[in-house]
Amino acid sequence: GDLRSVLITSVLNLERLEVDLFRCAGRHHWVPATQRLFGGQIVGQALVAAARAVSRDEQVHSLHCYFVRTGDPKVPVLYEVERTRTGKSFSVRSVKAIQHGKPIFTCQASFQLSQPSPLQHQFTMPAVPPPEELLTQEELIQKFLQNPNLAERYRKHLTKIQAEDVPIDIKPVNPPDIFSSQPQEPKQLFWVRARGYIGETDMKVHCCVAAYISDYAFLGTALLPHRQYRIKFMVSLDHSMWFHAPFRADHWMLYECESPWAGGCRSLVQGRLWRRDGVLAVTCAQEGVIRVEQTPNKSKL
């Protein structure tokens, strides 16, 4: 089969309709169980559209987005780009994603020409086992399914997840015990990469893929202290990213996620994507709506 990543051959492939008007050309690929468009796909596609409206030498350094309506996976998405500002060092592009004649998402992305500086520092990457020593998400699910005492509704849920065609390889560092409803610290670590080959190319391509990856399981970090509750509704409100250093989205990166706050049916999550050599490549932040049933869940066994 094609070894190229489906994220660049299909999911993030946009058709140009006019100078600054684009339409998603590929199929929507993976759609979450909620049957809403995956937020990471919209962010990634919007960044593709914005990147096509700047010079090759300009690289994205930040983006800030709002999800304003539910995305419909049954129809294409139009991306309308506004060239807000083109400066000597920085350029800003505004993107509006449209379905059924209404905006479902807005984004502003800022691009910069390379500028060296002696001012440099970063946090230290967490010490974790390398990805080669860990099981993939699929392998972990297979282990859970081998438990003969697993309740049938959870068996069906895990089987459904196992059948999903998510174009991301994931290896959790400390996977939560799905048989326990005990509260956990709102932090998680997992190795991630795009499934398939992308190779050496314009850094903006890897940034678009990282935008897709960054939204997967991100908001779920806020659920770890509240595992006794059944989720009624969960959706992203906004998403921000800052790009610090070059990276390959088809190489393993450590995604460090934490949720410093939750309240008022909203939760805040923050994340850092680390290269294997310890370089901080990307920082992310997101706020989302999370509504739960007031009655705690019963045992999963």
Protein backbone atom coordinates (compact mmCIF):
# COMPACT_ATOMS: atom_id res chain seq x y z
CA GLY A 1 0.00 0.00 0.00
CA ASP A 2 0.89 3.69 -0.06
CA LEU A 3 3.45 4.36 2.69
CA ARG A 4 2.79 8.11 2.54
CA SER A 5 0.87 9.48 5.50
CA VAL A 6 -2.86 9.73 4.79
CA LEU A 7 -2.76 13.02 6.68
CA ILE A 8 -0.97 14.73 3.78
CA THR A 9 -2.33 12.69 0.87
CA SER A 10 -5.99 13.02 1.88
CA VAL A 11 -7.03 14.49 5.24
CA LEU A 12 -5.11 17.78 4.99
CA ASN A 13 -5.28 18.04 1.22
CA LEU A 14 -7.15 21.19 0.15
CA GLU A 15 -8.46 22.12 -3.29
CA ARG A 16 -7.94 25.75 -4.30
CA LEU A 17 -11.19 27.23 -5.63
CA GLU A 18 -10.04 30.85 -5.79
CA VAL A 19 -6.94 32.80 -4.76
CA ASP A 20 -7.75 32.59 -1.04
CA LEU A 21 -10.66 30.14 -1.02
CA PHE A 22 -10.15 26.41 -0.42
CA ARG A 23 -12.21 23.26 0.02
CA CYS A 24 -11.19 20.03 1.73
CA ALA A 25 -10.51 17.69 -1.18
CA GLY A 26 -10.07 14.41 0.69
CA ARG A 27 -12.55 12.42 2.72
CA HIS A 28 -12.97 13.31 6.38
CA HIS A 29 -11.27 10.00 7.27
CA TRP A 30 -11.61 9.44 11.04
CA VAL A 31 -14.77 10.85 12.63
CA PRO A 32 -15.18 10.60 16.46
CA ALA A 33 -18.06 8.65 18.01
CA THR A 34 -19.85 11.98 18.56
CA GLN A 35 -20.30 12.18 14.75
CA ARG A 36 -18.92 15.72 14.81
CA LEU A 37 -15.94 16.72 12.71
CA PHE A 38 -12.69 16.13 14.57
CA GLY A 39 -11.39 19.49 15.82
CA GLY A 40 -7.78 18.67 15.00
CA GLN A 41 -8.75 18.12 11.37
CA ILE A 42 -10.34 21.56 11.14
CA VAL A 43 -7.33 23.22 12.82
CA GLY A 44 -4.91 21.39 10.53
CA GLN A 45 -6.85 22.21 7.37
CA ALA A 46 -7.21 25.87 8.37
CA LEU A 47 -3.45 26.09 8.85
CA VAL A 48 -2.94 24.52 5.41
CA ALA A 49 -5.13 27.27 3.91
CA ALA A 50 -3.29 30.02 5.81
CA ALA A 51 0.12 28.60 4.83
CA ARG A 52 -0.81 28.76 1.15
CA ALA A 53 -1.25 32.52 1.50
CA VAL A 54 2.33 33.26 2.65
CA SER A 55 5.78 32.89 1.10
CA ARG A 56 7.71 29.62 1.43
CA ASP A 57 10.32 31.32 3.64
CA GLU A 58 7.76 32.32 6.28
CA GLN A 59 7.08 29.73 8.97
CA VAL A 60 4.11 29.57 11.33
CA HIS A 61 4.98 30.43 14.94
CA SER A 62 1.50 30.60 16.49
CA LEU A 63 -2.20 30.10 15.88
CA HIS A 64 -5.32 30.88 17.89
CA CYS A 65 -8.68 29.31 17.04
CA TYR A 66 -12.32 29.23 18.13
CA PHE A 67 -14.82 26.47 17.41
CA VAL A 68 -18.13 28.30 16.99
CA ARG A 69 -20.44 25.62 15.52
CA THR A 70 -20.54 21.85 15.25
CA GLY A 71 -18.75 20.52 12.16
CA ASP A 72 -20.83 18.27 9.89
CA PRO A 73 -18.81 15.26 8.60
CA LYS A 74 -21.29 14.70 5.76
CA VAL A 75 -20.40 17.83 3.76
CA PRO A 76 -17.15 19.54 2.64
CA VAL A 77 -15.66 22.48 4.53
CA LEU A 78 -14.79 25.77 2.79
CA TYR A 79 -11.80 27.75 4.09
CA GLU A 80 -11.76 31.48 3.39
CA VAL A 81 -8.42 33.24 4.01
CA GLU A 82 -7.99 36.94 4.72
CA ARG A 83 -4.47 38.41 4.34
CA THR A 84 -4.76 40.50 7.50
CA ARG A 85 -1.19 41.81 7.46
CA THR A 86 2.05 41.17 5.56
CA GLY A 87 5.04 42.76 7.29
CA LYS A 88 8.81 42.59 6.95
CA SER A 89 9.21 39.97 9.70
CA PHE A 90 5.69 38.81 10.58
CA SER A 91 2.55 38.08 8.57
CA VAL A 92 -0.94 37.36 9.90
CA ARG A 93 -3.59 35.33 8.10
CA SER A 94 -7.20 34.98 9.27
CA VAL A 95 -9.14 31.87 8.27
CA LYS A 96 -12.88 31.18 8.43
CA ALA A 97 -14.20 27.64 8.01
CA ILE A 98 -17.70 27.52 6.52
CA GLN A 99 -20.42 24.85 6.28
CA HIS A 100 -24.07 25.31 5.31
CA GLY A 101 -23.34 29.00 4.69
CA LYS A 102 -22.23 29.70 8.28
CA PRO A 103 -18.84 29.87 9.98
CA ILE A 104 -18.08 26.84 12.14
CA PHE A 105 -14.54 27.89 13.08
CA THR A 106 -12.27 30.93 13.03
CA CYS A 107 -8.49 31.04 13.22
CA GLN A 108 -5.66 33.53 13.16
CA ALA A 109 -2.18 32.27 12.30
CA SER A 110 1.02 34.28 12.50
CA PHE A 111 4.09 33.55 10.35
CA GLN A 112 7.67 34.75 10.79
CA LEU A 113 10.81 34.96 8.70
CA SER A 114 13.70 33.23 10.46
CA GLN A 115 15.49 35.49 12.94
CA PRO A 116 18.39 34.24 15.11
CA SER A 117 18.61 35.43 18.73
CA PRO A 118 20.98 34.83 21.67
CA LEU A 119 17.98 34.71 24.03
CA GLN A 120 17.12 31.03 24.34
CA HIS A 121 15.80 28.77 27.12
CA GLN A 122 13.27 25.98 27.62
CA PHE A 123 11.89 23.60 30.24
CA THR A 124 13.42 20.14 30.64
CA MET A 125 11.74 17.21 28.92
CA PRO A 126 10.24 14.62 31.34
CA ALA A 127 12.24 11.41 31.77
CA VAL A 128 10.14 8.58 30.31
CA PRO A 129 10.70 5.17 28.68
CA PRO A 130 11.38 5.33 24.93
CA PRO A 131 8.50 4.42 22.60
CA GLU A 132 10.17 1.12 21.65
CA GLU A 133 9.56 -0.13 25.21
CA LEU A 134 5.84 0.72 25.28
CA LEU A 135 2.66 -0.81 23.87
CA THR A 136 0.53 0.97 21.28
CA GLN A 137 -3.03 2.02 22.08
CA GLU A 138 -4.28 -0.89 19.95
CA GLU A 139 -2.14 -3.40 21.86
CA LEU A 140 -3.38 -2.05 25.20
CA ILE A 141 -7.00 -2.37 24.09
CA GLN A 142 -6.36 -5.95 23.00
CA LYS A 143 -5.05 -6.72 26.51
CA PHE A 144 -8.16 -5.20 28.09
CA LEU A 145 -10.43 -7.22 25.80
CA GLN A 146 -8.79 -10.45 26.98
CA ASN A 147 -10.20 -9.89 30.48
CA PRO A 148 -13.16 -12.33 30.75
CA ASN A 149 -14.77 -10.20 33.49
CA LEU A 150 -15.00 -7.06 31.37
CA ALA A 151 -18.59 -5.77 31.28
CA GLU A 152 -20.21 -6.19 27.87
CA ARG A 153 -20.91 -2.49 27.28
CA TYR A 154 -17.25 -1.67 27.89
CA ARG A 155 -16.21 -4.53 25.64
CA LYS A 156 -18.36 -3.06 22.87
CA HIS A 157 -16.91 0.41 23.50
CA LEU A 158 -13.30 -0.84 23.31
CA THR A 159 -14.05 -2.92 20.22
CA LYS A 160 -15.44 0.19 18.55
CA ILE A 161 -12.31 2.18 19.41
CA GLN A 162 -10.16 -0.68 18.12
CA ALA A 163 -11.95 -0.53 14.76
CA GLU A 164 -11.40 3.22 14.32
CA ASP A 165 -8.99 4.24 11.58
CA VAL A 166 -7.14 7.02 13.42
CA PRO A 167 -4.14 8.16 11.31
CA ILE A 168 -1.94 8.58 14.41
CA ASP A 169 0.38 6.14 16.20
CA ILE A 170 0.00 6.47 19.99
CA LYS A 171 1.92 4.87 22.86
CA PRO A 172 0.71 5.92 26.34
CA VAL A 173 3.49 6.15 28.94
CA ASN A 174 1.23 5.48 31.96
CA PRO A 175 -2.11 4.26 30.58
CA PRO A 176 -4.99 4.69 33.05
CA ASP A 177 -6.60 1.57 34.50
CA ILE A 178 -9.91 1.40 32.65
CA PHE A 179 -11.32 -0.93 35.33
CA SER A 180 -10.95 1.70 38.05
CA SER A 181 -12.97 4.85 38.65
CA GLN A 182 -10.48 6.20 41.18
CA PRO A 183 -9.50 9.84 40.59
CA GLN A 184 -6.11 10.38 38.99
CA GLU A 185 -3.86 13.39 38.68
CA PRO A 186 -4.90 15.45 35.60
CA LYS A 187 -1.70 14.66 33.72
CA GLN A 188 -0.84 12.21 30.96
CA LEU A 189 2.14 11.44 28.74
CA PHE A 190 2.13 9.62 25.44
CA TRP A 191 4.36 9.23 22.44
CA VAL A 192 2.67 10.30 19.19
CA ARG A 193 3.49 10.48 15.49
CA ALA A 194 1.68 10.62 12.17
CA ARG A 195 1.00 7.19 10.74
CA GLY A 196 2.94 6.80 7.48
CA TYR A 197 5.82 8.68 5.87
CA ILE A 198 6.02 12.46 5.38
CA GLY A 199 9.75 13.03 5.02
CA GLU A 200 11.83 16.18 4.64
CA THR A 201 9.58 18.93 3.34
CA ASP A 202 8.44 22.47 4.08
CA MET A 203 8.22 22.78 7.87
CA LYS A 204 4.70 24.19 7.49
CA VAL A 205 3.54 20.71 6.40
CA HIS A 206 4.77 19.15 9.64
CA CYS A 207 3.14 21.98 11.61
CA CYS A 208 -0.22 21.27 9.94
CA VAL A 209 0.09 17.58 10.83
CA ALA A 210 1.06 18.46 14.42
CA ALA A 211 -2.06 20.66 14.61
CA TYR A 212 -4.14 17.58 13.73
CA ILE A 213 -2.32 15.38 16.26
CA SER A 214 -2.43 17.96 19.08
CA ASP A 215 -6.21 17.77 19.53
CA TYR A 216 -6.39 13.98 19.88
CA ALA A 217 -7.16 12.93 23.50
CA PHE A 218 -6.05 16.40 24.66
CA LEU A 219 -9.22 17.54 26.46
CA GLY A 220 -9.58 14.07 27.97
CA THR A 221 -6.73 14.96 30.35
CA ALA A 222 -9.25 17.00 32.35
CA LEU A 223 -11.39 13.88 32.94
CA LEU A 224 -8.76 11.92 34.86
CA PRO A 225 -9.68 13.32 38.33
CA HIS A 226 -13.40 12.75 37.61
CA ARG A 227 -13.53 9.20 36.25
CA GLN A 228 -16.51 8.28 38.44
CA TYR A 229 -18.81 10.37 36.23
CA ARG A 230 -20.34 9.50 32.88
CA ILE A 231 -19.69 12.13 30.21
CA LYS A 232 -22.83 13.61 28.66
CA PHE A 233 -21.20 16.23 26.44
CA MET A 234 -17.62 17.23 25.64
CA VAL A 235 -16.48 19.66 22.95
CA SER A 236 -13.55 22.02 22.34
CA LEU A 237 -14.16 25.77 22.59
CA ASP A 238 -10.78 27.09 21.47
CA HIS A 239 -7.29 25.85 20.59
CA SER A 240 -3.92 27.64 20.57
CA MET A 241 -0.47 26.50 19.46
CA TRP A 242 3.03 27.97 19.51
CA PHE A 243 5.74 26.44 17.33
CA HIS A 244 9.26 26.74 18.73
CA ALA A 245 11.68 24.46 16.84
CA PRO A 246 11.77 22.31 13.68
CA PHE A 247 10.49 18.72 14.01
CA ARG A 248 9.23 15.76 12.00
CA ALA A 249 5.58 14.94 12.66
CA ASP A 250 6.17 11.39 11.36
CA HIS A 251 8.84 10.82 14.05
CA TRP A 252 7.96 9.95 17.66
CA MET A 253 7.33 12.99 19.86
CA LEU A 254 6.37 13.00 23.53
CA TYR A 255 3.05 14.74 24.23
CA GLU A 256 2.99 16.04 27.80
CA CYS A 257 -0.56 17.05 28.78
CA GLU A 258 -1.96 18.54 31.98
CA SER A 259 -5.15 20.21 33.15
CA PRO A 260 -4.53 22.96 35.72
CA TRP A 261 -8.21 23.87 36.19
CA ALA A 262 -11.83 22.80 35.68
CA GLY A 263 -15.08 24.49 36.72
CA GLY A 264 -18.34 25.96 35.45
CA CYS A 265 -18.67 23.09 32.92
CA ARG A 266 -15.35 24.19 31.37
CA SER A 267 -11.87 22.70 31.56
CA LEU A 268 -8.45 24.03 30.59
CA VAL A 269 -5.70 21.78 29.24
CA GLN A 270 -2.10 22.58 28.33
CA GLY A 271 0.37 20.47 26.37
CA ARG A 272 3.95 20.30 25.20
CA LEU A 273 5.28 18.29 22.25
CA TRP A 274 8.90 17.23 22.77
CA ARG A 275 11.33 15.88 20.21
CA ARG A 276 13.14 12.70 21.22
CA ASP A 277 16.38 14.69 21.66
CA GLY A 278 14.76 16.80 24.40
CA VAL A 279 13.98 19.88 22.31
CA LEU A 280 10.63 21.55 23.04
CA ALA A 281 8.98 21.76 19.62
CA VAL A 282 5.37 22.88 20.26
CA THR A 283 3.25 24.25 23.11
CA CYS A 284 -0.56 23.88 23.06
CA ALA A 285 -3.52 25.09 25.12
CA GLN A 286 -7.24 24.41 24.88
CA GLU A 287 -10.45 25.10 26.76
CA GLY A 288 -13.49 22.90 26.34
CA VAL A 289 -17.01 22.27 27.61
CA ILE A 290 -17.47 19.12 29.68
CA ARG A 291 -20.87 18.17 31.09
CA VAL A 292 -21.35 15.01 33.17
CA GLU A 293 -24.20 13.09 34.77
CA GLN A 294 -24.51 13.88 38.47
CA THR A 295 -24.72 10.20 39.46
CA PRO A 296 -21.30 8.49 39.56
CA ASN A 297 -20.69 5.41 37.39
CA LYS A 298 -20.89 1.90 38.77
CA SER A 299 -17.96 -0.51 38.59
CA LYS A 300 -16.77 -1.45 35.11
CA LEU A 301 -16.40 -5.11 36.10
